[in-house]
Amino acid sequence: MSNPDPTTGFPPPLSEHLCLWIYGTNLEIQRIHKVVLDGLGITYPQYLVLNLLWERDHQPVGELATQLRLEASTVTPLLKRLEAGGYLNRVRNPADERQVLIGLTDKGRELRHRAGCVSTNLAERAGMSADELQELNARIRDLHDRLVATAQAGEG
């Protein structure tokens, strides 16, 4: 990427902006995933929720929302649709009635065995190995974490 000229204050050309390529890549990944997810009968946001529950079942709505970087009010309708599809249950936490816990049903747990094709399809479409995708993911996550840390340091 070329450096902006500090004397003009002009940014580099749009084609050199990282945000453009990350945004476009995100859209393309979702498009590629959609083909596979349609076959599984779920949407991309539903897939993200199920992944969190496959990692750790019986999570509060608030924790799921935080991990997805969404508001709980945005996640709730998504959870209701997954519940209507038979993939999860929503129950009040007996220790704290204000909290709703989200747990997988047998159907939700079974879907995990069929959903491995989502990542495989992405790797094939990108012409990358699983290791290459994991390395790229780690680098993007590192960038994300650095930007979040910088923003949080600036707030403090």
C-alpha atoms as a PDB file:
ATOM      1  CA  MET A   1       0.000   0.000   0.000  1.00  0.00           C
ATOM      2  CA  SER A   2       1.330   3.408  -0.850  1.00  0.00           C
ATOM      3  CA  ASN A   3       1.560   5.923   1.950  1.00  0.00           C
ATOM      4  CA  PRO A   4      -0.679   8.971   1.833  1.00  0.00           C
ATOM      5  CA  ASP A   5       1.126  12.161   0.987  1.00  0.00           C
ATOM      6  CA  PRO A   6       1.160  14.111   4.291  1.00  0.00           C
ATOM      7  CA  THR A   7       1.462  17.403   2.409  1.00  0.00           C
ATOM      8  CA  THR A   8      -1.781  16.881   0.473  1.00  0.00           C
ATOM      9  CA  GLY A   9      -3.714  14.964   3.112  1.00  0.00           C
ATOM     10  CA  PHE A  10      -5.064  12.741   0.340  1.00  0.00           C
ATOM     11  CA  PRO A  11      -5.692   9.083   1.114  1.00  0.00           C
ATOM     12  CA  PRO A  12      -4.314   6.353  -1.129  1.00  0.00           C
ATOM     13  CA  PRO A  13      -6.512   5.141  -4.009  1.00  0.00           C
ATOM     14  CA  LEU A  14      -9.518   3.098  -2.930  1.00  0.00           C
ATOM     15  CA  SER A  15      -8.008  -0.048  -4.464  1.00  0.00           C
ATOM     16  CA  GLU A  16      -5.297   0.160  -1.797  1.00  0.00           C
ATOM     17  CA  HIS A  17      -7.657   0.413   1.176  1.00  0.00           C
ATOM     18  CA  LEU A  18      -7.643  -2.690   3.366  1.00  0.00           C
ATOM     19  CA  CYS A  19     -11.222  -2.015   4.476  1.00  0.00           C
ATOM     20  CA  LEU A  20     -12.458  -2.331   0.879  1.00  0.00           C
ATOM     21  CA  TRP A  21     -10.936  -5.778   0.492  1.00  0.00           C
ATOM     22  CA  ILE A  22     -12.040  -7.041   3.899  1.00  0.00           C
ATOM     23  CA  TYR A  23     -15.580  -5.808   3.234  1.00  0.00           C
ATOM     24  CA  GLY A  24     -15.677  -7.366  -0.229  1.00  0.00           C
ATOM     25  CA  THR A  25     -14.159 -10.604   1.032  1.00  0.00           C
ATOM     26  CA  ASN A  26     -16.757 -10.811   3.798  1.00  0.00           C
ATOM     27  CA  LEU A  27     -19.559 -10.423   1.249  1.00  0.00           C
ATOM     28  CA  GLU A  28     -18.032 -13.077  -1.004  1.00  0.00           C
ATOM     29  CA  ILE A  29     -17.551 -15.523   1.888  1.00  0.00           C
ATOM     30  CA  GLN A  30     -21.183 -15.084   2.880  1.00  0.00           C
ATOM     31  CA  ARG A  31     -22.263 -15.669  -0.736  1.00  0.00           C
ATOM     32  CA  ILE A  32     -20.185 -18.864  -0.915  1.00  0.00           C
ATOM     33  CA  HIS A  33     -21.497 -20.046   2.462  1.00  0.00           C
ATOM     34  CA  LYS A  34     -25.099 -19.325   1.465  1.00  0.00           C
ATOM     35  CA  VAL A  35     -25.088 -22.051  -1.162  1.00  0.00           C
ATOM     36  CA  VAL A  36     -24.078 -24.670   1.405  1.00  0.00           C
ATOM     37  CA  LEU A  37     -26.143 -23.249   4.267  1.00  0.00           C
ATOM     38  CA  ASP A  38     -29.285 -23.219   2.117  1.00  0.00           C
ATOM     39  CA  GLY A  39     -28.781 -26.966   1.727  1.00  0.00           C
ATOM     40  CA  LEU A  40     -28.569 -27.292   5.511  1.00  0.00           C
ATOM     41  CA  GLY A  41     -31.708 -25.178   5.964  1.00  0.00           C
ATOM     42  CA  ILE A  42     -30.084 -22.369   7.963  1.00  0.00           C
ATOM     43  CA  THR A  43     -28.895 -18.817   7.356  1.00  0.00           C
ATOM     44  CA  TYR A  44     -25.413 -17.412   7.890  1.00  0.00           C
ATOM     45  CA  PRO A  45     -26.323 -15.655  11.174  1.00  0.00           C
ATOM     46  CA  GLN A  46     -27.965 -18.870  12.401  1.00  0.00           C
ATOM     47  CA  TYR A  47     -24.793 -20.767  11.482  1.00  0.00           C
ATOM     48  CA  LEU A  48     -22.750 -18.349  13.595  1.00  0.00           C
ATOM     49  CA  VAL A  49     -25.035 -18.878  16.618  1.00  0.00           C
ATOM     50  CA  LEU A  50     -24.927 -22.653  16.212  1.00  0.00           C
ATOM     51  CA  ASN A  51     -21.118 -22.550  16.030  1.00  0.00           C
ATOM     52  CA  LEU A  52     -20.986 -20.766  19.370  1.00  0.00           C
ATOM     53  CA  LEU A  53     -23.294 -23.352  20.881  1.00  0.00           C
ATOM     54  CA  TRP A  54     -21.320 -26.245  19.386  1.00  0.00           C
ATOM     55  CA  GLU A  55     -18.274 -24.818  21.152  1.00  0.00           C
ATOM     56  CA  ARG A  56     -20.134 -24.333  24.451  1.00  0.00           C
ATOM     57  CA  ASP A  57     -23.759 -25.306  24.940  1.00  0.00           C
ATOM     58  CA  HIS A  58     -26.210 -23.588  27.336  1.00  0.00           C
ATOM     59  CA  GLN A  59     -25.047 -19.995  27.034  1.00  0.00           C
ATOM     60  CA  PRO A  60     -26.986 -16.913  28.130  1.00  0.00           C
ATOM     61  CA  VAL A  61     -28.420 -14.742  25.357  1.00  0.00           C
ATOM     62  CA  GLY A  62     -26.202 -11.854  26.452  1.00  0.00           C
ATOM     63  CA  GLU A  63     -23.016 -13.887  26.063  1.00  0.00           C
ATOM     64  CA  LEU A  64     -24.023 -15.051  22.597  1.00  0.00           C
ATOM     65  CA  ALA A  65     -24.799 -11.460  21.617  1.00  0.00           C
ATOM     66  CA  THR A  66     -21.421 -10.255  22.932  1.00  0.00           C
ATOM     67  CA  GLN A  67     -19.524 -12.938  21.000  1.00  0.00           C
ATOM     68  CA  LEU A  68     -21.436 -12.045  17.837  1.00  0.00           C
ATOM     69  CA  ARG A  69     -20.841  -8.326  18.497  1.00  0.00           C
ATOM     70  CA  LEU A  70     -24.586  -7.694  18.369  1.00  0.00           C
ATOM     71  CA  GLU A  71     -27.227  -6.409  20.750  1.00  0.00           C
ATOM     72  CA  ALA A  72     -29.296  -9.019  22.607  1.00  0.00           C
ATOM     73  CA  SER A  73     -32.423  -7.495  21.061  1.00  0.00           C
ATOM     74  CA  THR A  74     -30.985  -8.291  17.609  1.00  0.00           C
ATOM     75  CA  VAL A  75     -30.074 -11.867  18.545  1.00  0.00           C
ATOM     76  CA  THR A  76     -33.427 -12.750  20.160  1.00  0.00           C
ATOM     77  CA  PRO A  77     -35.458 -12.991  16.912  1.00  0.00           C
ATOM     78  CA  LEU A  78     -32.679 -15.098  15.411  1.00  0.00           C
ATOM     79  CA  LEU A  79     -32.823 -17.444  18.391  1.00  0.00           C
ATOM     80  CA  LYS A  80     -36.604 -17.667  18.138  1.00  0.00           C
ATOM     81  CA  ARG A  81     -36.304 -18.774  14.494  1.00  0.00           C
ATOM     82  CA  LEU A  82     -33.710 -21.406  15.432  1.00  0.00           C
ATOM     83  CA  GLU A  83     -36.017 -22.609  18.209  1.00  0.00           C
ATOM     84  CA  ALA A  84     -38.948 -22.805  15.776  1.00  0.00           C
ATOM     85  CA  GLY A  85     -36.719 -24.876  13.489  1.00  0.00           C
ATOM     86  CA  GLY A  86     -36.055 -27.299  16.331  1.00  0.00           C
ATOM     87  CA  TYR A  87     -32.332 -26.544  16.675  1.00  0.00           C
ATOM     88  CA  LEU A  88     -32.316 -25.070  20.173  1.00  0.00           C
ATOM     89  CA  ASN A  89     -34.319 -24.389  23.306  1.00  0.00           C
ATOM     90  CA  ARG A  90     -34.591 -21.185  25.300  1.00  0.00           C
ATOM     91  CA  VAL A  91     -35.111 -21.633  29.036  1.00  0.00           C
ATOM     92  CA  ARG A  92     -34.952 -19.336  32.045  1.00  0.00           C
ATOM     93  CA  ASN A  93     -31.873 -19.756  34.183  1.00  0.00           C
ATOM     94  CA  PRO A  94     -33.078 -21.283  37.476  1.00  0.00           C
ATOM     95  CA  ALA A  95     -30.338 -19.379  39.312  1.00  0.00           C
ATOM     96  CA  ASP A  96     -31.381 -16.038  37.765  1.00  0.00           C
ATOM     97  CA  GLU A  97     -34.857 -15.828  36.244  1.00  0.00           C
ATOM     98  CA  ARG A  98     -33.896 -12.655  34.332  1.00  0.00           C
ATOM     99  CA  GLN A  99     -31.436 -14.647  32.247  1.00  0.00           C
ATOM    100  CA  VAL A 100     -32.396 -16.858  29.289  1.00  0.00           C
ATOM    101  CA  LEU A 101     -30.124 -19.815  28.551  1.00  0.00           C
ATOM    102  CA  ILE A 102     -29.788 -21.180  25.031  1.00  0.00           C
ATOM    103  CA  GLY A 103     -29.222 -24.894  24.612  1.00  0.00           C
ATOM    104  CA  LEU A 104     -28.966 -27.163  21.607  1.00  0.00           C
ATOM    105  CA  THR A 105     -31.523 -29.845  20.850  1.00  0.00           C
ATOM    106  CA  ASP A 106     -30.530 -33.201  19.386  1.00  0.00           C
ATOM    107  CA  LYS A 107     -31.337 -31.769  15.951  1.00  0.00           C
ATOM    108  CA  GLY A 108     -29.007 -28.820  16.616  1.00  0.00           C
ATOM    109  CA  ARG A 109     -26.184 -31.095  17.781  1.00  0.00           C
ATOM    110  CA  GLU A 110     -26.676 -33.410  14.776  1.00  0.00           C
ATOM    111  CA  LEU A 111     -26.365 -30.518  12.351  1.00  0.00           C
ATOM    112  CA  ARG A 112     -22.764 -30.010  13.470  1.00  0.00           C
ATOM    113  CA  HIS A 113     -21.791 -33.264  11.745  1.00  0.00           C
ATOM    114  CA  ARG A 114     -23.220 -32.008   8.450  1.00  0.00           C
ATOM    115  CA  ALA A 115     -21.927 -28.427   8.757  1.00  0.00           C
ATOM    116  CA  GLY A 116     -18.238 -29.280   8.359  1.00  0.00           C
ATOM    117  CA  CYS A 117     -18.760 -28.889   4.630  1.00  0.00           C
ATOM    118  CA  VAL A 118     -19.109 -25.111   5.079  1.00  0.00           C
ATOM    119  CA  SER A 119     -15.396 -24.588   5.811  1.00  0.00           C
ATOM    120  CA  THR A 120     -14.351 -27.269   3.350  1.00  0.00           C
ATOM    121  CA  ASN A 121     -16.320 -25.549   0.594  1.00  0.00           C
ATOM    122  CA  LEU A 122     -14.695 -22.192   1.400  1.00  0.00           C
ATOM    123  CA  ALA A 123     -11.196 -23.697   1.316  1.00  0.00           C
ATOM    124  CA  GLU A 124     -11.915 -25.372  -2.024  1.00  0.00           C
ATOM    125  CA  ARG A 125     -13.403 -22.215  -3.548  1.00  0.00           C
ATOM    126  CA  ALA A 126     -10.417 -20.153  -2.350  1.00  0.00           C
ATOM    127  CA  GLY A 127      -7.914 -22.734  -3.553  1.00  0.00           C
ATOM    128  CA  MET A 128      -6.387 -22.807  -0.082  1.00  0.00           C
ATOM    129  CA  SER A 129      -5.573 -25.542   2.389  1.00  0.00           C
ATOM    130  CA  ALA A 130      -7.212 -25.639   5.797  1.00  0.00           C
ATOM    131  CA  ASP A 131      -3.854 -24.598   7.300  1.00  0.00           C
ATOM    132  CA  GLU A 132      -3.626 -21.588   4.986  1.00  0.00           C
ATOM    133  CA  LEU A 133      -7.130 -20.485   5.934  1.00  0.00           C
ATOM    134  CA  GLN A 134      -6.325 -20.897   9.639  1.00  0.00           C
ATOM    135  CA  GLU A 135      -3.177 -18.802   9.243  1.00  0.00           C
ATOM    136  CA  LEU A 136      -5.110 -16.083   7.416  1.00  0.00           C
ATOM    137  CA  ASN A 137      -7.800 -16.166  10.089  1.00  0.00           C
ATOM    138  CA  ALA A 138      -5.171 -15.763  12.808  1.00  0.00           C
ATOM    139  CA  ARG A 139      -3.662 -12.724  11.042  1.00  0.00           C
ATOM    140  CA  ILE A 140      -7.054 -11.070  10.554  1.00  0.00           C
ATOM    141  CA  ARG A 141      -7.985 -11.799  14.177  1.00  0.00           C
ATOM    142  CA  ASP A 142      -4.693 -10.235  15.285  1.00  0.00           C
ATOM    143  CA  LEU A 143      -5.484  -7.118  13.251  1.00  0.00           C
ATOM    144  CA  HIS A 144      -8.953  -6.993  14.801  1.00  0.00           C
ATOM    145  CA  ASP A 145      -7.610  -7.398  18.327  1.00  0.00           C
ATOM    146  CA  ARG A 146      -5.001  -4.655  17.796  1.00  0.00           C
ATOM    147  CA  LEU A 147      -7.635  -2.239  16.492  1.00  0.00           C
ATOM    148  CA  VAL A 148      -9.976  -3.011  19.397  1.00  0.00           C
ATOM    149  CA  ALA A 149      -7.147  -2.595  21.921  1.00  0.00           C
ATOM    150  CA  THR A 150      -6.161   0.745  20.371  1.00  0.00           C
ATOM    151  CA  ALA A 151      -9.778   1.958  20.422  1.00  0.00           C
ATOM    152  CA  GLN A 152     -10.218   0.860  24.049  1.00  0.00           C
ATOM    153  CA  ALA A 153      -6.969   2.541  25.077  1.00  0.00           C
ATOM    154  CA  GLY A 154      -8.190   5.746  23.451  1.00  0.00           C
ATOM    155  CA  GLU A 155     -11.464   5.576  25.406  1.00  0.00           C
ATOM    156  CA  GLY A 156      -9.757   5.131  28.754  1.00  0.00           C
END
